[in-house]
Amino acid sequence: MDSVSYIDVMRLDVSDHAMWRAAERFPGFDVALIDREVRDAIKARRISHDRRVAGLTAGWSSTDDRFCWTEDGERVYAVRLYPERAAVMTTMRRRQEGA
């Protein structure tokens, strides 16, 4: 199975924390869209282990974490990879240039 079709069928959990942070950081954003935005980012290869590539500065990460971002770069999601599934751990705002 290629990586794109795997993404379509893999189990992707969205944590309550990721939904709360999305609602807090992006008022009016429909948190039900997190699953679709993460899958779209992965398909488009907007995913990296390097926080800086995702437009983030200091913060946590582990060897199982990846960061993916929306096409417009507005939202960044921390995604933890497990053998049979992935989980969206939190939602962040991408660092603004010059900030």
PDB file of N, CA and C in Angstrom:
ATOM      1  N   MET A   1       0.846  -1.174   0.000  1.00  0.00           N
ATOM      2  CA  MET A   1       0.000   0.000   0.000  1.00  0.00           C
ATOM      3  C   MET A   1       0.894   1.240   0.000  1.00  0.00           C
ATOM      4  N   ASP A   2       0.648   2.177  -0.893  1.00  0.00           N
ATOM      5  CA  ASP A   2       1.476   3.376  -0.917  1.00  0.00           C
ATOM      6  C   ASP A   2       1.087   4.314   0.220  1.00  0.00           C
ATOM      7  N   SER A   3       1.951   5.311   0.480  1.00  0.00           N
ATOM      8  CA  SER A   3       1.751   6.168   1.641  1.00  0.00           C
ATOM      9  C   SER A   3       0.481   6.995   1.549  1.00  0.00           C
ATOM     10  N   VAL A   4       0.081   7.399   0.359  1.00  0.00           N
ATOM     11  CA  VAL A   4      -1.126   8.208   0.230  1.00  0.00           C
ATOM     12  C   VAL A   4      -2.359   7.390   0.580  1.00  0.00           C
ATOM     13  N   SER A   5      -2.474   6.172   0.081  1.00  0.00           N
ATOM     14  CA  SER A   5      -3.644   5.364   0.414  1.00  0.00           C
ATOM     15  C   SER A   5      -3.619   4.952   1.882  1.00  0.00           C
ATOM     16  N   TYR A   6      -2.431   4.760   2.456  1.00  0.00           N
ATOM     17  CA  TYR A   6      -2.329   4.443   3.873  1.00  0.00           C
ATOM     18  C   TYR A   6      -2.896   5.586   4.719  1.00  0.00           C
ATOM     19  N   ILE A   7      -2.594   6.810   4.346  1.00  0.00           N
ATOM     20  CA  ILE A   7      -3.096   7.974   5.071  1.00  0.00           C
ATOM     21  C   ILE A   7      -4.615   7.997   5.054  1.00  0.00           C
ATOM     22  N   ASP A   8      -5.214   7.609   3.949  1.00  0.00           N
ATOM     23  CA  ASP A   8      -6.670   7.621   3.840  1.00  0.00           C
ATOM     24  C   ASP A   8      -7.332   6.631   4.796  1.00  0.00           C
ATOM     25  N   VAL A   9      -6.681   5.532   5.081  1.00  0.00           N
ATOM     26  CA  VAL A   9      -7.310   4.494   5.894  1.00  0.00           C
ATOM     27  C   VAL A   9      -6.752   4.400   7.309  1.00  0.00           C
ATOM     28  N   MET A  10      -5.640   5.070   7.587  1.00  0.00           N
ATOM     29  CA  MET A  10      -5.058   4.943   8.918  1.00  0.00           C
ATOM     30  C   MET A  10      -5.975   5.563   9.970  1.00  0.00           C
ATOM     31  N   ARG A  11      -5.862   5.055  11.166  1.00  0.00           N
ATOM     32  CA  ARG A  11      -6.618   5.600  12.281  1.00  0.00           C
ATOM     33  C   ARG A  11      -5.912   6.877  12.735  1.00  0.00           C
ATOM     34  N   LEU A  12      -6.646   7.968  12.765  1.00  0.00           N
ATOM     35  CA  LEU A  12      -6.110   9.251  13.203  1.00  0.00           C
ATOM     36  C   LEU A  12      -6.996   9.769  14.326  1.00  0.00           C
ATOM     37  N   ASP A  13      -6.455   9.763  15.524  1.00  0.00           N
ATOM     38  CA  ASP A  13      -7.181  10.277  16.687  1.00  0.00           C
ATOM     39  C   ASP A  13      -6.847  11.745  16.865  1.00  0.00           C
ATOM     40  N   VAL A  14      -7.836  12.531  17.246  1.00  0.00           N
ATOM     41  CA  VAL A  14      -7.626  13.943  17.554  1.00  0.00           C
ATOM     42  C   VAL A  14      -7.890  14.112  19.043  1.00  0.00           C
ATOM     43  N   SER A  15      -6.872  14.509  19.785  1.00  0.00           N
ATOM     44  CA  SER A  15      -7.012  14.629  21.237  1.00  0.00           C
ATOM     45  C   SER A  15      -7.921  15.800  21.607  1.00  0.00           C
ATOM     46  N   ASP A  16      -8.504  15.699  22.783  1.00  0.00           N
ATOM     47  CA  ASP A  16      -9.302  16.812  23.299  1.00  0.00           C
ATOM     48  C   ASP A  16      -8.435  18.069  23.395  1.00  0.00           C
ATOM     49  N   HIS A  17      -7.190  17.886  23.815  1.00  0.00           N
ATOM     50  CA  HIS A  17      -6.271  19.016  23.943  1.00  0.00           C
ATOM     51  C   HIS A  17      -6.101  19.737  22.601  1.00  0.00           C
ATOM     52  N   ALA A  18      -5.943  18.985  21.526  1.00  0.00           N
ATOM     53  CA  ALA A  18      -5.795  19.594  20.191  1.00  0.00           C
ATOM     54  C   ALA A  18      -7.046  20.386  19.815  1.00  0.00           C
ATOM     55  N   MET A  19      -8.215  19.852  20.150  1.00  0.00           N
ATOM     56  CA  MET A  19      -9.466  20.568  19.843  1.00  0.00           C
ATOM     57  C   MET A  19      -9.598  21.824  20.704  1.00  0.00           C
ATOM     58  N   TRP A  20      -9.267  21.716  21.997  1.00  0.00           N
ATOM     59  CA  TRP A  20      -9.350  22.891  22.885  1.00  0.00           C
ATOM     60  C   TRP A  20      -8.413  23.981  22.424  1.00  0.00           C
ATOM     61  N   ARG A  21      -7.185  23.599  22.094  1.00  0.00           N
ATOM     62  CA  ARG A  21      -6.202  24.591  21.645  1.00  0.00           C
ATOM     63  C   ARG A  21      -6.619  25.234  20.324  1.00  0.00           C
ATOM     64  N   ALA A  22      -7.183  24.461  19.425  1.00  0.00           N
ATOM     65  CA  ALA A  22      -7.655  25.026  18.152  1.00  0.00           C
ATOM     66  C   ALA A  22      -8.752  26.054  18.407  1.00  0.00           C
ATOM     67  N   ALA A  23      -9.690  25.713  19.283  1.00  0.00           N
ATOM     68  CA  ALA A  23     -10.787  26.632  19.593  1.00  0.00           C
ATOM     69  C   ALA A  23     -10.261  27.898  20.280  1.00  0.00           C
ATOM     70  N   GLU A  24      -9.262  27.737  21.125  1.00  0.00           N
ATOM     71  CA  GLU A  24      -8.680  28.870  21.842  1.00  0.00           C
ATOM     72  C   GLU A  24      -7.859  29.763  20.914  1.00  0.00           C
ATOM     73  N   ARG A  25      -7.042  29.148  20.087  1.00  0.00           N
ATOM     74  CA  ARG A  25      -6.112  29.912  19.258  1.00  0.00           C
ATOM     75  C   ARG A  25      -6.720  30.403  17.947  1.00  0.00           C
ATOM     76  N   PHE A  26      -7.809  29.783  17.528  1.00  0.00           N
ATOM     77  CA  PHE A  26      -8.450  30.154  16.264  1.00  0.00           C
ATOM     78  C   PHE A  26      -9.957  30.260  16.487  1.00  0.00           C
ATOM     79  N   PRO A  27     -10.409  31.323  17.156  1.00  0.00           N
ATOM     80  CA  PRO A  27     -11.837  31.467  17.458  1.00  0.00           C
ATOM     81  C   PRO A  27     -12.698  31.328  16.195  1.00  0.00           C
ATOM     82  N   GLY A  28     -13.745  30.534  16.327  1.00  0.00           N
ATOM     83  CA  GLY A  28     -14.647  30.309  15.204  1.00  0.00           C
ATOM     84  C   GLY A  28     -14.240  29.158  14.294  1.00  0.00           C
ATOM     85  N   PHE A  29     -13.050  28.615  14.493  1.00  0.00           N
ATOM     86  CA  PHE A  29     -12.581  27.491  13.673  1.00  0.00           C
ATOM     87  C   PHE A  29     -13.372  26.240  14.029  1.00  0.00           C
ATOM     88  N   ASP A  30     -13.804  25.518  13.039  1.00  0.00           N
ATOM     89  CA  ASP A  30     -14.547  24.267  13.240  1.00  0.00           C
ATOM     90  C   ASP A  30     -13.551  23.145  13.517  1.00  0.00           C
ATOM     91  N   VAL A  31     -13.460  22.715  14.777  1.00  0.00           N
ATOM     92  CA  VAL A  31     -12.471  21.709  15.158  1.00  0.00           C
ATOM     93  C   VAL A  31     -12.693  20.377  14.461  1.00  0.00           C
ATOM     94  N   ALA A  32     -13.876  20.159  13.906  1.00  0.00           N
ATOM     95  CA  ALA A  32     -14.127  18.924  13.158  1.00  0.00           C
ATOM     96  C   ALA A  32     -13.260  18.857  11.902  1.00  0.00           C
ATOM     97  N   LEU A  33     -12.686  19.980  11.490  1.00  0.00           N
ATOM     98  CA  LEU A  33     -11.843  20.011  10.291  1.00  0.00           C
ATOM     99  C   LEU A  33     -10.407  19.570  10.551  1.00  0.00           C
ATOM    100  N   ILE A  34     -10.026  19.389  11.805  1.00  0.00           N
ATOM    101  CA  ILE A  34      -8.636  19.018  12.124  1.00  0.00           C
ATOM    102  C   ILE A  34      -8.229  17.737  11.405  1.00  0.00           C
ATOM    103  N   ASP A  35      -9.061  16.713  11.457  1.00  0.00           N
ATOM    104  CA  ASP A  35      -8.740  15.437  10.794  1.00  0.00           C
ATOM    105  C   ASP A  35      -8.425  15.663   9.323  1.00  0.00           C
ATOM    106  N   ARG A  36      -9.278  16.397   8.620  1.00  0.00           N
ATOM    107  CA  ARG A  36      -9.091  16.627   7.181  1.00  0.00           C
ATOM    108  C   ARG A  36      -7.831  17.445   6.930  1.00  0.00           C
ATOM    109  N   GLU A  37      -7.587  18.489   7.732  1.00  0.00           N
ATOM    110  CA  GLU A  37      -6.400  19.316   7.510  1.00  0.00           C
ATOM    111  C   GLU A  37      -5.115  18.526   7.725  1.00  0.00           C
ATOM    112  N   VAL A  38      -5.093  17.662   8.729  1.00  0.00           N
ATOM    113  CA  VAL A  38      -3.902  16.846   8.981  1.00  0.00           C
ATOM    114  C   VAL A  38      -3.688  15.861   7.838  1.00  0.00           C
ATOM    115  N   ARG A  39      -4.738  15.181   7.416  1.00  0.00           N
ATOM    116  CA  ARG A  39      -4.598  14.232   6.305  1.00  0.00           C
ATOM    117  C   ARG A  39      -4.151  14.934   5.028  1.00  0.00           C
ATOM    118  N   ASP A  40      -4.726  16.106   4.744  1.00  0.00           N
ATOM    119  CA  ASP A  40      -4.335  16.863   3.552  1.00  0.00           C
ATOM    120  C   ASP A  40      -2.865  17.282   3.628  1.00  0.00           C
ATOM    121  N   ALA A  41      -2.423  17.713   4.811  1.00  0.00           N
ATOM    122  CA  ALA A  41      -1.024  18.126   4.975  1.00  0.00           C
ATOM    123  C   ALA A  41      -0.076  16.952   4.741  1.00  0.00           C
ATOM    124  N   ILE A  42      -0.425  15.798   5.276  1.00  0.00           N
ATOM    125  CA  ILE A  42       0.430  14.620   5.099  1.00  0.00           C
ATOM    126  C   ILE A  42       0.485  14.215   3.625  1.00  0.00           C
ATOM    127  N   LYS A  43      -0.660  14.219   2.967  1.00  0.00           N
ATOM    128  CA  LYS A  43      -0.683  13.875   1.532  1.00  0.00           C
ATOM    129  C   LYS A  43       0.176  14.820   0.711  1.00  0.00           C
ATOM    130  N   ALA A  44       0.164  16.101   1.103  1.00  0.00           N
ATOM    131  CA  ALA A  44       0.930  17.114   0.371  1.00  0.00           C
ATOM    132  C   ALA A  44       2.381  17.178   0.842  1.00  0.00           C
ATOM    133  N   ARG A  45       2.752  16.293   1.749  1.00  0.00           N
ATOM    134  CA  ARG A  45       4.105  16.214   2.298  1.00  0.00           C
ATOM    135  C   ARG A  45       4.503  17.472   3.075  1.00  0.00           C
ATOM    136  N   ARG A  46       3.508  18.129   3.669  1.00  0.00           N
ATOM    137  CA  ARG A  46       3.784  19.246   4.566  1.00  0.00           C
ATOM    138  C   ARG A  46       3.876  18.671   5.982  1.00  0.00           C
ATOM    139  N   ILE A  47       4.898  17.887   6.198  1.00  0.00           N
ATOM    140  CA  ILE A  47       5.112  17.221   7.476  1.00  0.00           C
ATOM    141  C   ILE A  47       6.609  17.095   7.690  1.00  0.00           C
ATOM    142  N   SER A  48       7.036  17.336   8.937  1.00  0.00           N
ATOM    143  CA  SER A  48       8.467  17.281   9.235  1.00  0.00           C
ATOM    144  C   SER A  48       8.671  16.948  10.703  1.00  0.00           C
ATOM    145  N   HIS A  49       9.812  16.344  10.988  1.00  0.00           N
ATOM    146  CA  HIS A  49      10.220  16.110  12.367  1.00  0.00           C
ATOM    147  C   HIS A  49      10.851  17.385  12.937  1.00  0.00           C
ATOM    148  N   ASP A  50      11.300  18.262  12.070  1.00  0.00           N
ATOM    149  CA  ASP A  50      11.982  19.489  12.467  1.00  0.00           C
ATOM    150  C   ASP A  50      10.969  20.607  12.715  1.00  0.00           C
ATOM    151  N   ARG A  51      10.905  21.087  13.946  1.00  0.00           N
ATOM    152  CA  ARG A  51       9.970  22.157  14.317  1.00  0.00           C
ATOM    153  C   ARG A  51      10.171  23.405  13.457  1.00  0.00           C
ATOM    154  N   ARG A  52      11.433  23.697  13.126  1.00  0.00           N
ATOM    155  CA  ARG A  52      11.721  24.913  12.361  1.00  0.00           C
ATOM    156  C   ARG A  52      11.130  24.852  10.962  1.00  0.00           C
ATOM    157  N   VAL A  53      11.123  23.680  10.347  1.00  0.00           N
ATOM    158  CA  VAL A  53      10.533  23.527   9.017  1.00  0.00           C
ATOM    159  C   VAL A  53       9.036  23.841   9.076  1.00  0.00           C
ATOM    160  N   ALA A  54       8.416  23.494  10.195  1.00  0.00           N
ATOM    161  CA  ALA A  54       6.986  23.756  10.375  1.00  0.00           C
ATOM    162  C   ALA A  54       6.711  25.200  10.790  1.00  0.00           C
ATOM    163  N   GLY A  55       7.760  26.001  10.957  1.00  0.00           N
ATOM    164  CA  GLY A  55       7.580  27.395  11.327  1.00  0.00           C
ATOM    165  C   GLY A  55       7.416  27.606  12.819  1.00  0.00           C
ATOM    166  N   LEU A  56       7.925  26.674  13.619  1.00  0.00           N
ATOM    167  CA  LEU A  56       7.817  26.776  15.066  1.00  0.00           C
ATOM    168  C   LEU A  56       9.167  27.112  15.677  1.00  0.00           C
ATOM    169  N   THR A  57       9.126  27.668  16.868  1.00  0.00           N
ATOM    170  CA  THR A  57      10.358  27.947  17.599  1.00  0.00           C
ATOM    171  C   THR A  57      10.475  26.928  18.723  1.00  0.00           C
ATOM    172  N   ALA A  58      10.923  27.337  19.880  1.00  0.00           N
ATOM    173  CA  ALA A  58      11.148  26.417  21.001  1.00  0.00           C
ATOM    174  C   ALA A  58       9.879  25.678  21.400  1.00  0.00           C
ATOM    175  N   GLY A  59      10.068  24.535  22.017  1.00  0.00           N
ATOM    176  CA  GLY A  59       8.943  23.749  22.502  1.00  0.00           C
ATOM    177  C   GLY A  59       9.306  22.292  22.592  1.00  0.00           C
ATOM    178  N   TRP A  60       8.331  21.481  22.925  1.00  0.00           N
ATOM    179  CA  TRP A  60       8.561  20.056  23.134  1.00  0.00           C
ATOM    180  C   TRP A  60       8.505  19.280  21.825  1.00  0.00           C
ATOM    181  N   SER A  61       9.105  18.141  21.855  1.00  0.00           N
ATOM    182  CA  SER A  61       8.944  17.153  20.792  1.00  0.00           C
ATOM    183  C   SER A  61       9.653  15.885  21.236  1.00  0.00           C
ATOM    184  N   SER A  62       9.244  14.796  20.661  1.00  0.00           N
ATOM    185  CA  SER A  62       9.909  13.529  20.929  1.00  0.00           C
ATOM    186  C   SER A  62      10.217  12.875  19.595  1.00  0.00           C
ATOM    187  N   THR A  63      10.897  11.750  19.631  1.00  0.00           N
ATOM    188  CA  THR A  63      11.249  11.078  18.380  1.00  0.00           C
ATOM    189  C   THR A  63      10.025  10.579  17.630  1.00  0.00           C
ATOM    190  N   ASP A  64       8.884  10.482  18.304  1.00  0.00           N
ATOM    191  CA  ASP A  64       7.665  10.013  17.651  1.00  0.00           C
ATOM    192  C   ASP A  64       6.804  11.154  17.115  1.00  0.00           C
ATOM    193  N   ASP A  65       7.227  12.393  17.320  1.00  0.00           N
ATOM    194  CA  ASP A  65       6.424  13.540  16.910  1.00  0.00           C
ATOM    195  C   ASP A  65       6.784  14.014  15.511  1.00  0.00           C
ATOM    196  N   ARG A  66       5.756  14.454  14.815  1.00  0.00           N
ATOM    197  CA  ARG A  66       5.913  15.120  13.529  1.00  0.00           C
ATOM    198  C   ARG A  66       5.051  16.374  13.587  1.00  0.00           C
ATOM    199  N   PHE A  67       5.390  17.340  12.759  1.00  0.00           N
ATOM    200  CA  PHE A  67       4.636  18.572  12.706  1.00  0.00           C
ATOM    201  C   PHE A  67       4.128  18.746  11.279  1.00  0.00           C
ATOM    202  N   CYS A  68       2.851  19.011  11.147  1.00  0.00           N
ATOM    203  CA  CYS A  68       2.302  19.260   9.819  1.00  0.00           C
ATOM    204  C   CYS A  68       1.522  20.567   9.873  1.00  0.00           C
ATOM    205  N   TRP A  69       1.366  21.193   8.718  1.00  0.00           N
ATOM    206  CA  TRP A  69       0.777  22.521   8.688  1.00  0.00           C
ATOM    207  C   TRP A  69      -0.168  22.643   7.509  1.00  0.00           C
ATOM    208  N   THR A  70      -1.099  23.577   7.675  1.00  0.00           N
ATOM    209  CA  THR A  70      -2.095  23.820   6.640  1.00  0.00           C
ATOM    210  C   THR A  70      -1.435  24.502   5.447  1.00  0.00           C
ATOM    211  N   GLU A  71      -2.105  24.446   4.329  1.00  0.00           N
ATOM    212  CA  GLU A  71      -1.548  25.024   3.103  1.00  0.00           C
ATOM    213  C   GLU A  71      -1.242  26.513   3.266  1.00  0.00           C
ATOM    214  N   ASP A  72      -2.105  27.231   3.978  1.00  0.00           N
ATOM    215  CA  ASP A  72      -1.871  28.657   4.189  1.00  0.00           C
ATOM    216  C   ASP A  72      -0.869  28.931   5.309  1.00  0.00           C
ATOM    217  N   GLY A  73      -0.424  27.866   5.995  1.00  0.00           N
ATOM    218  CA  GLY A  73       0.567  28.009   7.048  1.00  0.00           C
ATOM    219  C   GLY A  73       0.023  28.556   8.348  1.00  0.00           C
ATOM    220  N   GLU A  74      -1.268  28.725   8.439  1.00  0.00           N
ATOM    221  CA  GLU A  74      -1.856  29.329   9.635  1.00  0.00           C
ATOM    222  C   GLU A  74      -1.795  28.406  10.853  1.00  0.00           C
ATOM    223  N   ARG A  75      -2.181  27.143  10.663  1.00  0.00           N
ATOM    224  CA  ARG A  75      -2.211  26.192  11.770  1.00  0.00           C
ATOM    225  C   ARG A  75      -1.126  25.135  11.600  1.00  0.00           C
ATOM    226  N   VAL A  76      -0.532  24.742  12.746  1.00  0.00           N
ATOM    227  CA  VAL A  76       0.448  23.659  12.793  1.00  0.00           C
ATOM    228  C   VAL A  76      -0.075  22.643  13.793  1.00  0.00           C
ATOM    229  N   TYR A  77       0.002  21.377  13.419  1.00  0.00           N
ATOM    230  CA  TYR A  77      -0.458  20.297  14.285  1.00  0.00           C
ATOM    231  C   TYR A  77       0.722  19.421  14.678  1.00  0.00           C
ATOM    232  N   ALA A  78       0.809  19.097  15.961  1.00  0.00           N
ATOM    233  CA  ALA A  78       1.786  18.119  16.424  1.00  0.00           C
ATOM    234  C   ALA A  78       1.113  16.760  16.355  1.00  0.00           C
ATOM    235  N   VAL A  79       1.729  15.846  15.622  1.00  0.00           N
ATOM    236  CA  VAL A  79       1.160  14.520  15.399  1.00  0.00           C
ATOM    237  C   VAL A  79       2.126  13.477  15.950  1.00  0.00           C
ATOM    238  N   ARG A  80       1.635  12.625  16.799  1.00  0.00           N
ATOM    239  CA  ARG A  80       2.438  11.536  17.371  1.00  0.00           C
ATOM    240  C   ARG A  80       2.148  10.269  16.582  1.00  0.00           C
ATOM    241  N   LEU A  81       3.196   9.597  16.140  1.00  0.00           N
ATOM    242  CA  LEU A  81       3.053   8.382  15.343  1.00  0.00           C
ATOM    243  C   LEU A  81       3.169   7.151  16.226  1.00  0.00           C
ATOM    244  N   TYR A  82       2.272   6.224  16.026  1.00  0.00           N
ATOM    245  CA  TYR A  82       2.271   4.931  16.702  1.00  0.00           C
ATOM    246  C   TYR A  82       2.269   3.855  15.619  1.00  0.00           C
ATOM    247  N   PRO A  83       2.566   2.610  15.949  1.00  0.00           N
ATOM    248  CA  PRO A  83       2.614   1.566  14.911  1.00  0.00           C
ATOM    249  C   PRO A  83       1.317   1.416  14.107  1.00  0.00           C
ATOM    250  N   GLU A  84       0.173   1.516  14.736  1.00  0.00           N
ATOM    251  CA  GLU A  84      -1.093   1.274  14.043  1.00  0.00           C
ATOM    252  C   GLU A  84      -1.969   2.506  13.881  1.00  0.00           C
ATOM    253  N   ARG A  85      -1.493   3.652  14.353  1.00  0.00           N
ATOM    254  CA  ARG A  85      -2.326   4.844  14.294  1.00  0.00           C
ATOM    255  C   ARG A  85      -1.463   6.085  14.464  1.00  0.00           C
ATOM    256  N   ALA A  86      -2.103   7.218  14.365  1.00  0.00           N
ATOM    257  CA  ALA A  86      -1.465   8.499  14.650  1.00  0.00           C
ATOM    258  C   ALA A  86      -2.429   9.306  15.505  1.00  0.00           C
ATOM    259  N   ALA A  87      -1.894  10.251  16.254  1.00  0.00           N
ATOM    260  CA  ALA A  87      -2.737  11.076  17.110  1.00  0.00           C
ATOM    261  C   ALA A  87      -2.304  12.529  17.013  1.00  0.00           C
ATOM    262  N   VAL A  88      -3.274  13.409  16.831  1.00  0.00           N
ATOM    263  CA  VAL A  88      -3.008  14.841  16.838  1.00  0.00           C
ATOM    264  C   VAL A  88      -2.967  15.258  18.306  1.00  0.00           C
ATOM    265  N   MET A  89      -1.813  15.747  18.742  1.00  0.00           N
ATOM    266  CA  MET A  89      -1.607  16.050  20.155  1.00  0.00           C
ATOM    267  C   MET A  89      -1.990  17.479  20.520  1.00  0.00           C
ATOM    268  N   THR A  90      -1.686  18.429  19.642  1.00  0.00           N
ATOM    269  CA  THR A  90      -2.033  19.818  19.912  1.00  0.00           C
ATOM    270  C   THR A  90      -2.108  20.608  18.613  1.00  0.00           C
ATOM    271  N   THR A  91      -2.663  21.792  18.722  1.00  0.00           N
ATOM    272  CA  THR A  91      -2.801  22.719  17.601  1.00  0.00           C
ATOM    273  C   THR A  91      -2.061  23.993  17.970  1.00  0.00           C
ATOM    274  N   MET A  92      -1.236  24.460  17.048  1.00  0.00           N
ATOM    275  CA  MET A  92      -0.432  25.659  17.336  1.00  0.00           C
ATOM    276  C   MET A  92      -0.588  26.686  16.222  1.00  0.00           C
ATOM    277  N   ARG A  93      -0.214  27.892  16.550  1.00  0.00           N
ATOM    278  CA  ARG A  93      -0.173  28.972  15.563  1.00  0.00           C
ATOM    279  C   ARG A  93       1.263  29.035  15.057  1.00  0.00           C
ATOM    280  N   ARG A  94       1.409  29.101  13.743  1.00  0.00           N
ATOM    281  CA  ARG A  94       2.746  29.176  13.160  1.00  0.00           C
ATOM    282  C   ARG A  94       3.399  30.507  13.530  1.00  0.00           C
ATOM    283  N   ARG A  95       4.687  30.477  13.793  1.00  0.00           N
ATOM    284  CA  ARG A  95       5.427  31.683  14.149  1.00  0.00           C
ATOM    285  C   ARG A  95       5.396  32.662  12.982  1.00  0.00           C
ATOM    286  N   GLN A  96       5.114  33.894  13.273  1.00  0.00           N
ATOM    287  CA  GLN A  96       5.091  34.919  12.243  1.00  0.00           C
ATOM    288  C   GLN A  96       6.514  35.384  11.962  1.00  0.00           C
ATOM    289  N   GLU A  97       6.815  35.665  10.715  1.00  0.00           N
ATOM    290  CA  GLU A  97       8.148  36.160  10.353  1.00  0.00           C
ATOM    291  C   GLU A  97       8.402  37.476  11.094  1.00  0.00           C
ATOM    292  N   GLY A  98       9.590  37.577  11.659  1.00  0.00           N
ATOM    293  CA  GLY A  98       9.966  38.786  12.378  1.00  0.00           C
ATOM    294  C   GLY A  98       9.450  38.827  13.810  1.00  0.00           C
ATOM    295  N   ALA A  99       8.709  37.796  14.216  1.00  0.00           N
ATOM    296  CA  ALA A  99       8.160  37.805  15.582  1.00  0.00           C
ATOM    297  C   ALA A  99       9.121  37.138  16.541  1.00  0.00           C
TER     298      ALA A  99
END
